[in-house]
Structures are given as structure tokens and as C-alpha cells.
Amino acid sequence: MVSRITFNAKAPVMPVIDSHIHLDFDLFDAKRDILMLHMQRLGLVHAVIPGVSAAHWAKQRAVAKQYDCSYALGIHPWYCDEQWPSDIVQLEQLLIKNKQDKRLVAIGECGLDGGYRDTWDMQIHCFEAQLSLAQRFDLPVIIHSVKAHNEVLHLLKRYPLNKAGVIHGFYGSTQLAQQYLDCGMKLGIGHLLLNKTAKKLRESIVNLPLASLVVETDLALALQQEKPDVDDNISESNLMLHLLIAEIAMLQKKSRVLVSEQVFRNTLQLFDL
């Protein structure tokens, strides 16, 4: 497939792709235009909007169309409840209906979160169902894996994926990262890397192949967790992708241009953009 997104090494601002931004969330309704304008002025050329629940999918697809973004459809473990079987049926129907939509690039955000034990069994069944759909429709997955790495790795081996996917918001050790890489996954690196106390993640970045990394802002979930001033957080997040690239470059002792180009290409390849 010929990429519809181009990389111009001579551009005054290094182009970037946000591999994970919840641009459809209500939080942005009054400021979505200006947020995208600011990010585009700072080099944003494309973004991927992950899904979180059936209730979000219609608005998510409308926002993706309005701003020419890619999107994924999925059920986030935080939104997994007793309705998950009917949500999976609806997800399957949407995948069939929109299989020719070039903006639809993945299934997710899906996965497991050990912090939500009340829904643990439902999460596992729902995640398995989404992995099965990823196999059937030959799509990569965007995976949320928190306090559940052993279970996620087990299921990835049980449901091998041709196009693999990405571990969103990766925060673990080099050893854990390698286990995900062995499953063909890429690692989504977000704002935690900018925290100097995140020693495990920062040590992992030193040791990981650059070809395995993509960068993400995780707006709006990150902002909702980092209040009080959402406007200030949005302003700071405009620069986040460049700050992440600079931090990876520093930790790997490589140039920012080299890191920027490779991470850009990694994202193109991951989502077949």
C-alpha cells in the first residue's frame, strides 16, 4: 500500500503522528479546532483516535472524518460491563460495514486492567473476542495492559495476529518489553517518559530497538487524570510528541532527526497509513 502521509525531511518543523489521542471526547468539544490547529503548526500531520465503547463510536468516527484522522474501534477494559456481548456484535457489524474505510486502521483500545477486578472475567472474554475479530479482519490491535501483562501475553500467543499492534502507554522493564516485541508488538511511549522518576521505563528506552517505538499523547484520558487546569495541560500537550522524541534521542544517544524519522515510519507501518 502506498502511504497517503508524506514525510518531508526539509520541513521547518519535524512532522509527527500522534498514535493515540482521544480527540472525540467531550472534553474537547469547545476547543477541538484550536487544539488541532496548534498541534498542526507544531508538525502534527496525522493522528489515530482509539475507540473505548459502543457509546463513543459514532461521534468518534464523525470526528475522525472531520479532521481527516484515522481511528480504531474497540471496547476499553474500563468500559467493559455486562453488555459486552452485544457490544461485540455491534463492533463486528461496524467492522463489516466499514471494512473499506481507509480511516479504520485497528481494533482497540482493548485489553486488560488488573485495577478493575470487579469486571475481570468480563474483561478477559471481551478482550479475547476482540483479538478474534482482529484475526478475522486482519487488523492490528491497540492494547491497554495494566497490572495484567502475564494474561495479555498469554492471550497474544493464543491469538497470534498477522499485523500485531501496539502496547499503549508502555511503562515496563526491558525484559517485559522484549516479551511484547517477541509477539510482534510495538510499544506506545507517552508522557510517563518525561517523568525523571520513571526509571524502569527510561532504562528500557535505552535498551530497546528504535524500530519498536511509537509516540502518543493519550489525550484526553491523560488530561482527565492530570487536572486541575485542563487548558494548561492541553497547551503543554501540543509539544508532547516533540518532547518525547527529544527524550528518546537523549536516552539512546541519537539525533532527534533520526528518532523522529524512524518513529514516524514505525507508525506508518503499524497502521498501514
C-alpha atoms as a PDB file:
ATOM      1  CA  MET A   1       0.000   0.000   0.000  1.00  0.00           C
ATOM      2  CA  VAL A   2       1.335   3.465  -0.904  1.00  0.00           C
ATOM      3  CA  SER A   3       1.336   5.763   2.104  1.00  0.00           C
ATOM      4  CA  ARG A   4      -1.065   8.703   1.935  1.00  0.00           C
ATOM      5  CA  ILE A   5       1.047  10.539   4.513  1.00  0.00           C
ATOM      6  CA  THR A   6       4.326  12.018   3.386  1.00  0.00           C
ATOM      7  CA  PHE A   7       7.466  12.861   5.336  1.00  0.00           C
ATOM      8  CA  ASN A   8       9.427  15.939   4.261  1.00  0.00           C
ATOM      9  CA  ALA A   9      12.841  15.930   5.892  1.00  0.00           C
ATOM     10  CA  LYS A  10      13.370  19.557   4.796  1.00  0.00           C
ATOM     11  CA  ALA A  11      10.259  20.814   6.573  1.00  0.00           C
ATOM     12  CA  PRO A  12      10.975  23.567   9.165  1.00  0.00           C
ATOM     13  CA  VAL A  13       9.124  21.583  11.852  1.00  0.00           C
ATOM     14  CA  MET A  14       9.681  17.847  12.179  1.00  0.00           C
ATOM     15  CA  PRO A  15       6.417  16.105  11.184  1.00  0.00           C
ATOM     16  CA  VAL A  16       4.874  13.852  13.808  1.00  0.00           C
ATOM     17  CA  ILE A  17       1.971  11.398  14.091  1.00  0.00           C
ATOM     18  CA  ASP A  18       0.058  11.041  17.326  1.00  0.00           C
ATOM     19  CA  SER A  19      -0.526   7.287  17.573  1.00  0.00           C
ATOM     20  CA  HIS A  20      -3.082   7.604  20.386  1.00  0.00           C
ATOM     21  CA  ILE A  21      -5.303  10.635  21.019  1.00  0.00           C
ATOM     22  CA  HIS A  22      -8.886  10.551  22.317  1.00  0.00           C
ATOM     23  CA  LEU A  23      -9.840  13.558  20.239  1.00  0.00           C
ATOM     24  CA  ASP A  24     -13.525  12.616  20.241  1.00  0.00           C
ATOM     25  CA  PHE A  25     -14.009  13.003  23.999  1.00  0.00           C
ATOM     26  CA  ASP A  26     -16.475  15.643  25.172  1.00  0.00           C
ATOM     27  CA  LEU A  27     -13.623  17.402  26.965  1.00  0.00           C
ATOM     28  CA  PHE A  28     -12.529  18.827  23.605  1.00  0.00           C
ATOM     29  CA  ASP A  29     -15.893  19.930  22.237  1.00  0.00           C
ATOM     30  CA  ALA A  30     -15.265  23.633  22.836  1.00  0.00           C
ATOM     31  CA  LYS A  31     -11.576  23.603  21.908  1.00  0.00           C
ATOM     32  CA  ARG A  32     -11.039  20.824  19.347  1.00  0.00           C
ATOM     33  CA  ASP A  33     -10.430  23.216  16.432  1.00  0.00           C
ATOM     34  CA  ILE A  34      -7.811  25.273  18.209  1.00  0.00           C
ATOM     35  CA  LEU A  35      -6.125  22.198  19.674  1.00  0.00           C
ATOM     36  CA  MET A  36      -5.699  20.650  16.226  1.00  0.00           C
ATOM     37  CA  LEU A  37      -4.557  23.950  14.733  1.00  0.00           C
ATOM     38  CA  HIS A  38      -1.864  24.344  17.400  1.00  0.00           C
ATOM     39  CA  MET A  39      -0.691  20.751  17.034  1.00  0.00           C
ATOM     40  CA  GLN A  40      -0.590  21.022  13.236  1.00  0.00           C
ATOM     41  CA  ARG A  41       1.502  24.172  13.486  1.00  0.00           C
ATOM     42  CA  LEU A  42       3.916  22.124  15.580  1.00  0.00           C
ATOM     43  CA  GLY A  43       4.192  19.457  12.895  1.00  0.00           C
ATOM     44  CA  LEU A  44       1.264  17.108  13.507  1.00  0.00           C
ATOM     45  CA  VAL A  45       0.378  15.552  10.156  1.00  0.00           C
ATOM     46  CA  HIS A  46      -1.871  12.723  11.308  1.00  0.00           C
ATOM     47  CA  ALA A  47      -3.439  11.127  14.378  1.00  0.00           C
ATOM     48  CA  VAL A  48      -5.110   7.879  15.385  1.00  0.00           C
ATOM     49  CA  ILE A  49      -8.242   8.046  17.545  1.00  0.00           C
ATOM     50  CA  PRO A  50      -8.775   4.843  19.556  1.00  0.00           C
ATOM     51  CA  GLY A  51     -12.243   3.641  20.486  1.00  0.00           C
ATOM     52  CA  VAL A  52     -13.344   2.980  24.052  1.00  0.00           C
ATOM     53  CA  SER A  53     -17.006   1.947  23.960  1.00  0.00           C
ATOM     54  CA  ALA A  54     -20.027   1.434  21.723  1.00  0.00           C
ATOM     55  CA  ALA A  55     -21.489   4.697  23.028  1.00  0.00           C
ATOM     56  CA  HIS A  56     -18.472   6.600  21.669  1.00  0.00           C
ATOM     57  CA  TRP A  57     -18.118   5.029  18.214  1.00  0.00           C
ATOM     58  CA  ALA A  58     -20.499   7.248  16.228  1.00  0.00           C
ATOM     59  CA  LYS A  59     -19.013  10.517  17.485  1.00  0.00           C
ATOM     60  CA  GLN A  60     -15.510   9.113  17.200  1.00  0.00           C
ATOM     61  CA  ARG A  61     -15.993   8.264  13.531  1.00  0.00           C
ATOM     62  CA  ALA A  62     -17.518  11.696  12.857  1.00  0.00           C
ATOM     63  CA  VAL A  63     -14.568  13.473  14.490  1.00  0.00           C
ATOM     64  CA  ALA A  64     -12.095  11.305  12.568  1.00  0.00           C
ATOM     65  CA  LYS A  65     -13.810  12.243   9.303  1.00  0.00           C
ATOM     66  CA  GLN A  66     -13.961  15.957  10.186  1.00  0.00           C
ATOM     67  CA  TYR A  67     -10.240  16.185  10.977  1.00  0.00           C
ATOM     68  CA  ASP A  68      -9.049  13.514   8.498  1.00  0.00           C
ATOM     69  CA  CYS A  69      -7.724  11.265  11.266  1.00  0.00           C
ATOM     70  CA  SER A  70      -7.537   7.505  11.405  1.00  0.00           C
ATOM     71  CA  TYR A  71      -9.482   5.605  14.031  1.00  0.00           C
ATOM     72  CA  ALA A  72      -9.790   2.257  15.768  1.00  0.00           C
ATOM     73  CA  LEU A  73     -12.951   0.630  17.097  1.00  0.00           C
ATOM     74  CA  GLY A  74     -12.866  -1.242  20.374  1.00  0.00           C
ATOM     75  CA  ILE A  75     -14.029  -1.752  23.936  1.00  0.00           C
ATOM     76  CA  HIS A  76     -11.666  -0.408  26.598  1.00  0.00           C
ATOM     77  CA  PRO A  77     -11.425  -2.529  29.773  1.00  0.00           C
ATOM     78  CA  TRP A  78     -12.658   0.444  31.840  1.00  0.00           C
ATOM     79  CA  TYR A  79     -15.884   0.391  29.799  1.00  0.00           C
ATOM     80  CA  CYS A  80     -16.369  -3.372  29.861  1.00  0.00           C
ATOM     81  CA  ASP A  81     -19.612  -4.419  31.587  1.00  0.00           C
ATOM     82  CA  GLU A  82     -22.465  -6.913  31.327  1.00  0.00           C
ATOM     83  CA  GLN A  83     -23.343  -5.515  27.894  1.00  0.00           C
ATOM     84  CA  TRP A  84     -20.056  -6.624  26.350  1.00  0.00           C
ATOM     85  CA  PRO A  85     -21.542  -9.499  24.256  1.00  0.00           C
ATOM     86  CA  SER A  86     -23.981  -7.167  22.499  1.00  0.00           C
ATOM     87  CA  ASP A  87     -21.222  -4.570  22.122  1.00  0.00           C
ATOM     88  CA  ILE A  88     -19.055  -7.189  20.400  1.00  0.00           C
ATOM     89  CA  VAL A  89     -21.899  -7.968  17.995  1.00  0.00           C
ATOM     90  CA  GLN A  90     -22.206  -4.254  17.223  1.00  0.00           C
ATOM     91  CA  LEU A  91     -18.434  -3.992  16.785  1.00  0.00           C
ATOM     92  CA  GLU A  92     -18.432  -6.905  14.351  1.00  0.00           C
ATOM     93  CA  GLN A  93     -21.236  -5.286  12.340  1.00  0.00           C
ATOM     94  CA  LEU A  94     -19.347  -1.975  12.171  1.00  0.00           C
ATOM     95  CA  LEU A  95     -16.178  -3.725  11.044  1.00  0.00           C
ATOM     96  CA  ILE A  96     -18.082  -5.444   8.255  1.00  0.00           C
ATOM     97  CA  LYS A  97     -19.854  -2.244   7.224  1.00  0.00           C
ATOM     98  CA  ASN A  98     -16.701  -0.102   7.264  1.00  0.00           C
ATOM     99  CA  LYS A  99     -14.073  -2.570   6.087  1.00  0.00           C
ATOM    100  CA  GLN A 100     -13.396  -0.373   3.026  1.00  0.00           C
ATOM    101  CA  ASP A 101     -12.992   2.785   5.129  1.00  0.00           C
ATOM    102  CA  LYS A 102      -9.309   3.724   4.920  1.00  0.00           C
ATOM    103  CA  ARG A 103      -9.615   5.643   8.166  1.00  0.00           C
ATOM    104  CA  LEU A 104     -10.370   2.425  10.078  1.00  0.00           C
ATOM    105  CA  VAL A 105      -6.885   1.126  10.895  1.00  0.00           C
ATOM    106  CA  ALA A 106      -7.114  -1.005  14.045  1.00  0.00           C
ATOM    107  CA  ILE A 107      -9.191  -2.671  16.749  1.00  0.00           C
ATOM    108  CA  GLY A 108      -8.978  -1.114  20.171  1.00  0.00           C
ATOM    109  CA  GLU A 109      -8.396   0.305  22.600  1.00  0.00           C
ATOM    110  CA  CYS A 110      -8.877  -3.119  24.134  1.00  0.00           C
ATOM    111  CA  GLY A 111      -7.070  -5.183  26.711  1.00  0.00           C
ATOM    112  CA  LEU A 112      -6.986  -5.885  30.434  1.00  0.00           C
ATOM    113  CA  ASP A 113      -6.689  -3.731  33.556  1.00  0.00           C
ATOM    114  CA  GLY A 114      -5.952  -5.508  36.832  1.00  0.00           C
ATOM    115  CA  GLY A 115      -7.082  -2.461  38.752  1.00  0.00           C
ATOM    116  CA  TYR A 116     -10.693  -3.254  37.784  1.00  0.00           C
ATOM    117  CA  ARG A 117     -11.090  -6.676  39.388  1.00  0.00           C
ATOM    118  CA  ASP A 118     -14.882  -6.488  39.612  1.00  0.00           C
ATOM    119  CA  THR A 119     -15.067  -6.875  35.828  1.00  0.00           C
ATOM    120  CA  TRP A 120     -12.008  -9.085  35.382  1.00  0.00           C
ATOM    121  CA  ASP A 121     -13.757 -12.136  33.930  1.00  0.00           C
ATOM    122  CA  MET A 122     -15.780  -9.972  31.549  1.00  0.00           C
ATOM    123  CA  GLN A 123     -12.609  -8.136  30.508  1.00  0.00           C
ATOM    124  CA  ILE A 124     -10.913 -11.404  29.563  1.00  0.00           C
ATOM    125  CA  HIS A 125     -13.823 -12.644  27.453  1.00  0.00           C
ATOM    126  CA  CYS A 126     -14.272  -9.245  25.817  1.00  0.00           C
ATOM    127  CA  PHE A 127     -10.558  -8.976  25.036  1.00  0.00           C
ATOM    128  CA  GLU A 128     -10.498 -12.487  23.563  1.00  0.00           C
ATOM    129  CA  ALA A 129     -13.454 -11.619  21.350  1.00  0.00           C
ATOM    130  CA  GLN A 130     -11.655  -8.515  20.061  1.00  0.00           C
ATOM    131  CA  LEU A 131      -8.454 -10.442  19.377  1.00  0.00           C
ATOM    132  CA  SER A 132     -10.530 -12.936  17.407  1.00  0.00           C
ATOM    133  CA  LEU A 133     -12.027 -10.076  15.378  1.00  0.00           C
ATOM    134  CA  ALA A 134      -8.535  -8.686  14.760  1.00  0.00           C
ATOM    135  CA  GLN A 135      -7.550 -12.062  13.337  1.00  0.00           C
ATOM    136  CA  ARG A 136     -10.656 -12.245  11.178  1.00  0.00           C
ATOM    137  CA  PHE A 137     -10.403  -8.716   9.777  1.00  0.00           C
ATOM    138  CA  ASP A 138      -6.580  -8.704   9.616  1.00  0.00           C
ATOM    139  CA  LEU A 139      -6.202  -5.552  11.700  1.00  0.00           C
ATOM    140  CA  PRO A 140      -3.632  -4.576  14.329  1.00  0.00           C
ATOM    141  CA  VAL A 141      -4.766  -4.045  17.921  1.00  0.00           C
ATOM    142  CA  ILE A 142      -4.248  -1.144  20.318  1.00  0.00           C
ATOM    143  CA  ILE A 143      -3.800  -2.751  23.727  1.00  0.00           C
ATOM    144  CA  HIS A 144      -4.295  -1.330  27.209  1.00  0.00           C
ATOM    145  CA  SER A 145      -2.278  -3.555  29.574  1.00  0.00           C
ATOM    146  CA  VAL A 146      -2.131  -2.533  33.231  1.00  0.00           C
ATOM    147  CA  LYS A 147      -1.289  -4.976  36.028  1.00  0.00           C
ATOM    148  CA  ALA A 148      -2.157  -7.738  33.579  1.00  0.00           C
ATOM    149  CA  HIS A 149       0.939  -8.385  31.484  1.00  0.00           C
ATOM    150  CA  ASN A 150       1.092 -12.146  32.000  1.00  0.00           C
ATOM    151  CA  GLU A 151      -2.529 -12.538  30.954  1.00  0.00           C
ATOM    152  CA  VAL A 152      -2.162 -10.222  27.944  1.00  0.00           C
ATOM    153  CA  LEU A 153       0.957 -12.038  26.763  1.00  0.00           C
ATOM    154  CA  HIS A 154      -0.784 -15.393  27.150  1.00  0.00           C
ATOM    155  CA  LEU A 155      -3.713 -14.250  25.023  1.00  0.00           C
ATOM    156  CA  LEU A 156      -1.460 -12.693  22.377  1.00  0.00           C
ATOM    157  CA  LYS A 157       0.206 -16.083  21.991  1.00  0.00           C
ATOM    158  CA  ARG A 158      -3.173 -17.803  21.893  1.00  0.00           C
ATOM    159  CA  TYR A 159      -4.447 -15.394  19.225  1.00  0.00           C
ATOM    160  CA  PRO A 160      -1.429 -14.648  17.006  1.00  0.00           C
ATOM    161  CA  LEU A 161      -2.031 -11.602  14.828  1.00  0.00           C
ATOM    162  CA  ASN A 162      -0.687 -11.070  11.342  1.00  0.00           C
ATOM    163  CA  LYS A 163      -0.435  -7.294  11.875  1.00  0.00           C
ATOM    164  CA  ALA A 164       0.231  -7.445  15.638  1.00  0.00           C
ATOM    165  CA  GLY A 165      -0.325  -3.989  17.148  1.00  0.00           C
ATOM    166  CA  VAL A 166       0.863  -1.697  19.913  1.00  0.00           C
ATOM    167  CA  ILE A 167       1.057  -1.804  23.694  1.00  0.00           C
ATOM    168  CA  HIS A 168      -0.342   1.611  24.501  1.00  0.00           C
ATOM    169  CA  GLY A 169       1.282   3.600  27.319  1.00  0.00           C
ATOM    170  CA  PHE A 170       4.074   1.077  27.869  1.00  0.00           C
ATOM    171  CA  TYR A 171       5.756   1.548  31.238  1.00  0.00           C
ATOM    172  CA  GLY A 172       7.632  -1.705  31.976  1.00  0.00           C
ATOM    173  CA  SER A 173      11.069  -3.231  32.065  1.00  0.00           C
ATOM    174  CA  THR A 174      13.314  -4.197  29.171  1.00  0.00           C
ATOM    175  CA  GLN A 175      12.506  -7.861  29.832  1.00  0.00           C
ATOM    176  CA  LEU A 176       8.770  -7.219  29.639  1.00  0.00           C
ATOM    177  CA  ALA A 177       9.227  -5.095  26.525  1.00  0.00           C
ATOM    178  CA  GLN A 178      11.103  -7.923  24.831  1.00  0.00           C
ATOM    179  CA  GLN A 179       8.262 -10.347  25.525  1.00  0.00           C
ATOM    180  CA  TYR A 180       5.873  -7.981  23.758  1.00  0.00           C
ATOM    181  CA  LEU A 181       8.325  -7.488  20.893  1.00  0.00           C
ATOM    182  CA  ASP A 182       8.554 -11.266  20.536  1.00  0.00           C
ATOM    183  CA  CYS A 183       4.792 -11.185  19.872  1.00  0.00           C
ATOM    184  CA  GLY A 184       5.400  -8.651  17.094  1.00  0.00           C
ATOM    185  CA  MET A 185       4.062  -5.696  19.058  1.00  0.00           C
ATOM    186  CA  LYS A 186       5.295  -2.123  19.038  1.00  0.00           C
ATOM    187  CA  LEU A 187       5.428  -0.010  22.199  1.00  0.00           C
ATOM    188  CA  GLY A 188       3.484   3.231  22.605  1.00  0.00           C
ATOM    189  CA  ILE A 189       5.568   5.738  24.555  1.00  0.00           C
ATOM    190  CA  GLY A 190       3.737   8.566  26.294  1.00  0.00           C
ATOM    191  CA  HIS A 191       4.028  11.274  28.918  1.00  0.00           C
ATOM    192  CA  LEU A 192       5.404   8.947  31.632  1.00  0.00           C
ATOM    193  CA  LEU A 193       8.773   9.004  29.853  1.00  0.00           C
ATOM    194  CA  LEU A 194       9.058  12.713  30.678  1.00  0.00           C
ATOM    195  CA  ASN A 195       8.896  11.885  34.392  1.00  0.00           C
ATOM    196  CA  LYS A 196      12.506  11.596  35.539  1.00  0.00           C
ATOM    197  CA  THR A 197      11.467   9.221  38.335  1.00  0.00           C
ATOM    198  CA  ALA A 198      10.155   6.638  35.811  1.00  0.00           C
ATOM    199  CA  LYS A 199      13.487   4.814  35.996  1.00  0.00           C
ATOM    200  CA  LYS A 200      12.252   1.427  34.757  1.00  0.00           C
ATOM    201  CA  LEU A 201      10.765   2.889  31.583  1.00  0.00           C
ATOM    202  CA  ARG A 202      13.722   5.184  30.953  1.00  0.00           C
ATOM    203  CA  GLU A 203      16.139   2.266  31.326  1.00  0.00           C
ATOM    204  CA  SER A 204      14.016   0.258  28.889  1.00  0.00           C
ATOM    205  CA  ILE A 205      14.186   3.000  26.276  1.00  0.00           C
ATOM    206  CA  VAL A 206      17.976   2.911  26.424  1.00  0.00           C
ATOM    207  CA  ASN A 207      17.946  -0.780  25.519  1.00  0.00           C
ATOM    208  CA  LEU A 208      15.057  -1.066  23.071  1.00  0.00           C
ATOM    209  CA  PRO A 209      15.379  -1.027  19.275  1.00  0.00           C
ATOM    210  CA  LEU A 210      14.174   2.287  17.863  1.00  0.00           C
ATOM    211  CA  ALA A 211      12.130   0.369  15.284  1.00  0.00           C
ATOM    212  CA  SER A 212       9.836  -0.831  18.090  1.00  0.00           C
ATOM    213  CA  LEU A 213       8.649   2.597  19.304  1.00  0.00           C
ATOM    214  CA  VAL A 214       5.784   4.956  18.501  1.00  0.00           C
ATOM    215  CA  VAL A 215       4.827   8.119  20.395  1.00  0.00           C
ATOM    216  CA  GLU A 216       1.467   9.208  21.765  1.00  0.00           C
ATOM    217  CA  THR A 217      -0.180  11.948  23.826  1.00  0.00           C
ATOM    218  CA  ASP A 218      -3.131   9.871  25.127  1.00  0.00           C
ATOM    219  CA  LEU A 219      -5.343  12.946  25.213  1.00  0.00           C
ATOM    220  CA  ALA A 220      -7.960  13.077  26.765  1.00  0.00           C
ATOM    221  CA  LEU A 221      -7.593  10.360  29.402  1.00  0.00           C
ATOM    222  CA  ALA A 222      -4.233  11.755  30.442  1.00  0.00           C
ATOM    223  CA  LEU A 223      -5.725  15.221  30.851  1.00  0.00           C
ATOM    224  CA  GLN A 224      -8.688  13.989  32.854  1.00  0.00           C
ATOM    225  CA  GLN A 225      -6.278  12.389  35.280  1.00  0.00           C
ATOM    226  CA  GLU A 226      -4.000  15.440  35.454  1.00  0.00           C
ATOM    227  CA  LYS A 227      -6.416  18.246  36.253  1.00  0.00           C
ATOM    228  CA  PRO A 228      -6.957  20.881  37.701  1.00  0.00           C
ATOM    229  CA  ASP A 229      -6.253  23.130  34.705  1.00  0.00           C
ATOM    230  CA  VAL A 230      -7.242  21.288  31.542  1.00  0.00           C
ATOM    231  CA  ASP A 231      -6.439  24.287  29.303  1.00  0.00           C
ATOM    232  CA  ASP A 232      -2.863  24.445  30.615  1.00  0.00           C
ATOM    233  CA  ASN A 233      -2.482  20.704  30.129  1.00  0.00           C
ATOM    234  CA  ILE A 234      -3.745  20.930  26.544  1.00  0.00           C
ATOM    235  CA  SER A 235      -1.284  23.725  25.825  1.00  0.00           C
ATOM    236  CA  GLU A 236       1.606  21.680  27.208  1.00  0.00           C
ATOM    237  CA  SER A 237       0.451  18.596  25.311  1.00  0.00           C
ATOM    238  CA  ASN A 238       0.867  20.408  21.993  1.00  0.00           C
ATOM    239  CA  LEU A 239       4.608  19.955  22.455  1.00  0.00           C
ATOM    240  CA  MET A 240       4.480  16.481  23.995  1.00  0.00           C
ATOM    241  CA  LEU A 241       5.332  14.461  20.871  1.00  0.00           C
ATOM    242  CA  HIS A 242       8.447  16.560  20.231  1.00  0.00           C
ATOM    243  CA  LEU A 243       9.455  16.319  23.885  1.00  0.00           C
ATOM    244  CA  LEU A 244       9.089  12.542  23.739  1.00  0.00           C
ATOM    245  CA  ILE A 245      11.207  12.356  20.596  1.00  0.00           C
ATOM    246  CA  ALA A 246      13.870  14.543  22.201  1.00  0.00           C
ATOM    247  CA  GLU A 247      13.889  12.353  25.334  1.00  0.00           C
ATOM    248  CA  ILE A 248      14.198   9.138  23.332  1.00  0.00           C
ATOM    249  CA  ALA A 249      17.039  10.714  21.335  1.00  0.00           C
ATOM    250  CA  MET A 250      18.834  11.718  24.518  1.00  0.00           C
ATOM    251  CA  LEU A 251      18.435   8.303  26.153  1.00  0.00           C
ATOM    252  CA  GLN A 252      19.547   6.430  23.026  1.00  0.00           C
ATOM    253  CA  LYS A 253      22.277   8.952  22.202  1.00  0.00           C
ATOM    254  CA  LYS A 254      20.879   9.501  18.714  1.00  0.00           C
ATOM    255  CA  SER A 255      19.896  12.621  16.821  1.00  0.00           C
ATOM    256  CA  ARG A 256      16.354  13.953  17.130  1.00  0.00           C
ATOM    257  CA  VAL A 257      16.012  13.914  13.344  1.00  0.00           C
ATOM    258  CA  LEU A 258      16.912  10.216  13.192  1.00  0.00           C
ATOM    259  CA  VAL A 259      14.489   9.346  16.011  1.00  0.00           C
ATOM    260  CA  SER A 260      11.744  11.488  14.518  1.00  0.00           C
ATOM    261  CA  GLU A 261      12.053   9.876  11.085  1.00  0.00           C
ATOM    262  CA  GLN A 262      12.145   6.319  12.459  1.00  0.00           C
ATOM    263  CA  VAL A 263       9.220   6.773  14.866  1.00  0.00           C
ATOM    264  CA  PHE A 264       7.232   8.380  12.038  1.00  0.00           C
ATOM    265  CA  ARG A 265       7.877   5.391   9.776  1.00  0.00           C
ATOM    266  CA  ASN A 266       7.116   2.958  12.591  1.00  0.00           C
ATOM    267  CA  THR A 267       3.652   4.497  12.923  1.00  0.00           C
ATOM    268  CA  LEU A 268       3.046   4.390   9.175  1.00  0.00           C
ATOM    269  CA  GLN A 269       3.949   0.710   9.149  1.00  0.00           C
ATOM    270  CA  LEU A 270       1.966  -0.172  12.270  1.00  0.00           C
ATOM    271  CA  PHE A 271      -1.319   1.237  10.984  1.00  0.00           C
ATOM    272  CA  ASP A 272      -0.626   0.840   7.252  1.00  0.00           C
ATOM    273  CA  LEU A 273      -1.160   4.596   6.749  1.00  0.00           C
END
